[in-house]
Amino acid sequence: MALINWQDSYSVGVDLIDTDHKLLVSLINQLDDAMNEGGGRDTVGSVLNVLLEYTETHFGREELLMEKGAYPELAPHKREHAKLTTQVRGIVERWHGGDDASLDGEVLEFLKNWLTGHILGVDRKYTPFVQGQTLTPEELLACMNLDLEGLDGEEDDDLDRATGAR
């Protein structure tokens, strides 16, 4: 059984962000499965790494959309993102440092409450400012911290492949 089930009430009305949130829910559920079903230390570590990386990417997307929409509470929202990223990074570092015992249900409960609380509480406030805003392929790549140097000169094709654009 999933730790978190996506509900329509979690939607912020922006497809890109809702898709991100659904993926984050999926990653937390994968982490729960790996920890509860004895998925092995490497599996749990891999899911934690992906969760951290995707959280950072997602926050970058949200912040760009809020900036484009002139969201007046952008600065405090960014501080909340930084705090949450630090907490998730701390969990990952503790795990890789061998602190398996303390990373049980407490961590999963934190992630569940953080994700649902953040979406339902903090993210809902920016919805009217970001609806209708879009990100270019270049902006999406920047959120992923990808290095564009060394592309084969077919930047448009490379960007389309990297972002799934056609």
Protein backbone atom coordinates (compact mmCIF):
# COMPACT_ATOMS: atom_id res chain seq x y z
CA MET A 1 0.00 0.00 0.00
CA ALA A 2 1.31 3.44 -0.93
CA LEU A 3 2.39 5.80 1.83
CA ILE A 4 0.94 8.73 -0.11
CA ASN A 5 -1.84 8.52 -2.66
CA TRP A 6 -2.08 11.43 -5.08
CA GLN A 7 -5.34 13.28 -4.70
CA ASP A 8 -6.84 15.92 -6.96
CA SER A 9 -6.87 18.22 -3.92
CA TYR A 10 -3.04 18.33 -4.16
CA SER A 11 -3.20 19.95 -7.60
CA VAL A 12 -1.91 23.50 -7.83
CA GLY A 13 -3.42 23.92 -11.30
CA VAL A 14 -0.11 24.01 -13.16
CA ASP A 15 0.58 20.85 -15.19
CA LEU A 16 4.39 21.05 -14.92
CA ILE A 17 4.30 21.45 -11.13
CA ASP A 18 1.56 18.86 -10.64
CA THR A 19 3.63 16.38 -12.66
CA ASP A 20 6.65 17.18 -10.48
CA HIS A 21 4.60 16.69 -7.34
CA LYS A 22 3.27 13.35 -8.60
CA LEU A 23 6.84 12.20 -9.28
CA LEU A 24 7.93 13.29 -5.81
CA VAL A 25 5.00 11.31 -4.33
CA SER A 26 6.13 8.31 -6.37
CA LEU A 27 9.73 8.64 -5.14
CA ILE A 28 8.59 8.81 -1.51
CA ASN A 29 6.44 5.71 -2.09
CA GLN A 30 9.41 3.92 -3.70
CA LEU A 31 11.53 4.83 -0.69
CA ASP A 32 8.84 3.50 1.64
CA ASP A 33 8.67 0.25 -0.35
CA ALA A 34 12.44 -0.14 -0.39
CA MET A 35 12.73 0.45 3.36
CA ASN A 36 9.78 -1.73 4.33
CA GLU A 37 10.40 -4.61 1.95
CA GLY A 38 14.12 -4.94 2.61
CA GLY A 39 15.05 -3.46 -0.75
CA GLY A 40 18.65 -3.31 0.35
CA ARG A 41 20.92 -0.51 1.39
CA ASP A 42 21.94 0.34 -2.19
CA THR A 43 18.34 0.57 -3.36
CA VAL A 44 17.34 2.87 -0.50
CA GLY A 45 20.45 4.99 -1.09
CA SER A 46 19.67 5.30 -4.80
CA VAL A 47 16.08 6.35 -4.18
CA LEU A 48 17.26 8.90 -1.60
CA ASN A 49 19.78 10.33 -4.08
CA VAL A 50 17.14 10.66 -6.80
CA LEU A 51 14.70 12.19 -4.32
CA LEU A 52 17.24 14.86 -3.35
CA GLU A 53 18.20 15.65 -6.95
CA TYR A 54 14.61 15.82 -8.10
CA THR A 55 13.59 17.97 -5.14
CA GLU A 56 16.26 20.50 -6.10
CA THR A 57 15.16 20.43 -9.75
CA HIS A 58 11.51 20.83 -8.79
CA PHE A 59 12.22 23.76 -6.49
CA GLY A 60 14.15 25.45 -9.28
CA ARG A 61 11.18 25.09 -11.62
CA GLU A 62 8.75 26.44 -9.06
CA GLU A 63 10.98 29.40 -8.27
CA LEU A 64 11.38 30.32 -11.93
CA LEU A 65 7.63 30.19 -12.45
CA MET A 66 7.05 32.30 -9.33
CA GLU A 67 9.63 34.80 -10.54
CA LYS A 68 7.99 35.02 -13.97
CA GLY A 69 4.60 35.48 -12.33
CA ALA A 70 5.91 38.21 -9.99
CA TYR A 71 4.86 36.23 -6.91
CA PRO A 72 5.22 38.68 -3.99
CA GLU A 73 6.14 35.95 -1.47
CA LEU A 74 8.99 34.53 -3.57
CA ALA A 75 11.75 35.30 -1.03
CA PRO A 76 10.13 33.46 1.91
CA HIS A 77 9.14 30.61 -0.39
CA LYS A 78 12.75 30.26 -1.54
CA ARG A 79 13.87 30.20 2.11
CA GLU A 80 11.41 27.39 2.79
CA HIS A 81 12.79 25.50 -0.22
CA ALA A 82 16.35 25.97 1.05
CA LYS A 83 15.37 24.70 4.50
CA LEU A 84 13.61 21.64 3.07
CA THR A 85 16.51 20.89 0.73
CA THR A 86 18.91 21.07 3.66
CA GLN A 87 16.73 18.65 5.63
CA VAL A 88 16.51 16.17 2.74
CA ARG A 89 20.27 16.50 2.12
CA GLY A 90 20.86 15.78 5.82
CA ILE A 91 18.78 12.61 5.58
CA VAL A 92 20.74 11.45 2.53
CA GLU A 93 24.08 12.23 4.19
CA ARG A 94 23.08 10.38 7.35
CA TRP A 95 22.05 7.37 5.27
CA HIS A 96 25.30 7.31 3.32
CA GLY A 97 27.17 7.77 6.59
CA GLY A 98 25.73 4.49 7.85
CA ASP A 99 22.99 5.87 10.09
CA ASP A 100 20.38 3.35 8.94
CA ALA A 101 18.72 2.91 12.32
CA SER A 102 17.43 6.46 12.63
CA LEU A 103 16.11 6.55 9.08
CA ASP A 104 12.97 4.55 9.53
CA GLY A 105 9.34 5.59 9.75
CA GLU A 106 10.33 8.94 11.24
CA VAL A 107 11.99 9.99 8.00
CA LEU A 108 9.14 8.73 5.85
CA GLU A 109 6.64 10.55 8.04
CA PHE A 110 8.72 13.74 7.71
CA LEU A 111 8.78 13.40 3.91
CA LYS A 112 5.06 12.67 3.75
CA ASN A 113 4.11 15.59 5.98
CA TRP A 114 6.56 17.91 4.26
CA LEU A 115 5.33 17.12 0.76
CA THR A 116 1.63 17.22 1.50
CA GLY A 117 1.94 20.15 3.92
CA HIS A 118 4.10 22.15 1.54
CA ILE A 119 1.81 21.53 -1.43
CA LEU A 120 -1.45 22.14 0.42
CA GLY A 121 -0.15 25.04 2.50
CA VAL A 122 2.65 26.97 0.86
CA ASP A 123 2.38 26.07 -2.83
CA ARG A 124 -1.32 26.84 -3.07
CA LYS A 125 -0.56 30.49 -2.38
CA TYR A 126 1.41 30.98 -5.61
CA THR A 127 -1.13 29.31 -7.91
CA PRO A 128 -2.81 32.49 -9.20
CA PHE A 129 0.60 33.99 -10.01
CA VAL A 130 2.04 31.03 -11.93
CA GLN A 131 -0.97 29.78 -13.86
CA GLY A 132 -0.31 30.44 -17.51
CA GLN A 133 3.44 30.85 -17.00
CA THR A 134 5.70 28.56 -19.02
CA LEU A 135 9.36 27.65 -19.03
CA THR A 136 11.49 27.47 -22.14
CA PRO A 137 13.56 24.36 -22.83
CA GLU A 138 16.64 26.36 -21.80
CA GLU A 139 15.04 27.30 -18.47
CA LEU A 140 14.03 23.69 -17.84
CA LEU A 141 17.59 22.56 -18.48
CA ALA A 142 18.95 25.26 -16.19
CA CYS A 143 16.74 23.90 -13.39
CA MET A 144 18.34 20.50 -13.92
CA ASN A 145 21.82 21.97 -13.54
CA LEU A 146 22.89 20.44 -16.84
CA ASP A 147 26.04 21.64 -18.52
CA LEU A 148 25.22 22.57 -22.11
CA GLU A 149 28.86 22.80 -23.19
CA GLY A 150 29.91 20.13 -25.62
CA LEU A 151 26.61 19.85 -27.40
CA ASP A 152 27.13 18.93 -31.01
CA GLY A 153 26.10 22.29 -32.41
CA GLU A 154 22.53 21.16 -32.87
CA GLU A 155 21.42 22.95 -29.72
CA ASP A 156 17.74 23.05 -30.63
CA ASP A 157 17.66 19.30 -31.32
CA ASP A 158 19.65 18.56 -28.15
CA LEU A 159 17.37 20.76 -26.05
CA ASP A 160 14.29 19.14 -27.54
CA ARG A 161 15.63 15.66 -26.73
CA ALA A 162 16.63 16.64 -23.19
CA THR A 163 13.27 18.23 -22.40
CA GLY A 164 11.06 15.86 -24.36
CA ALA A 165 9.96 18.66 -26.69
CA ARG A 166 9.22 17.88 -30.32
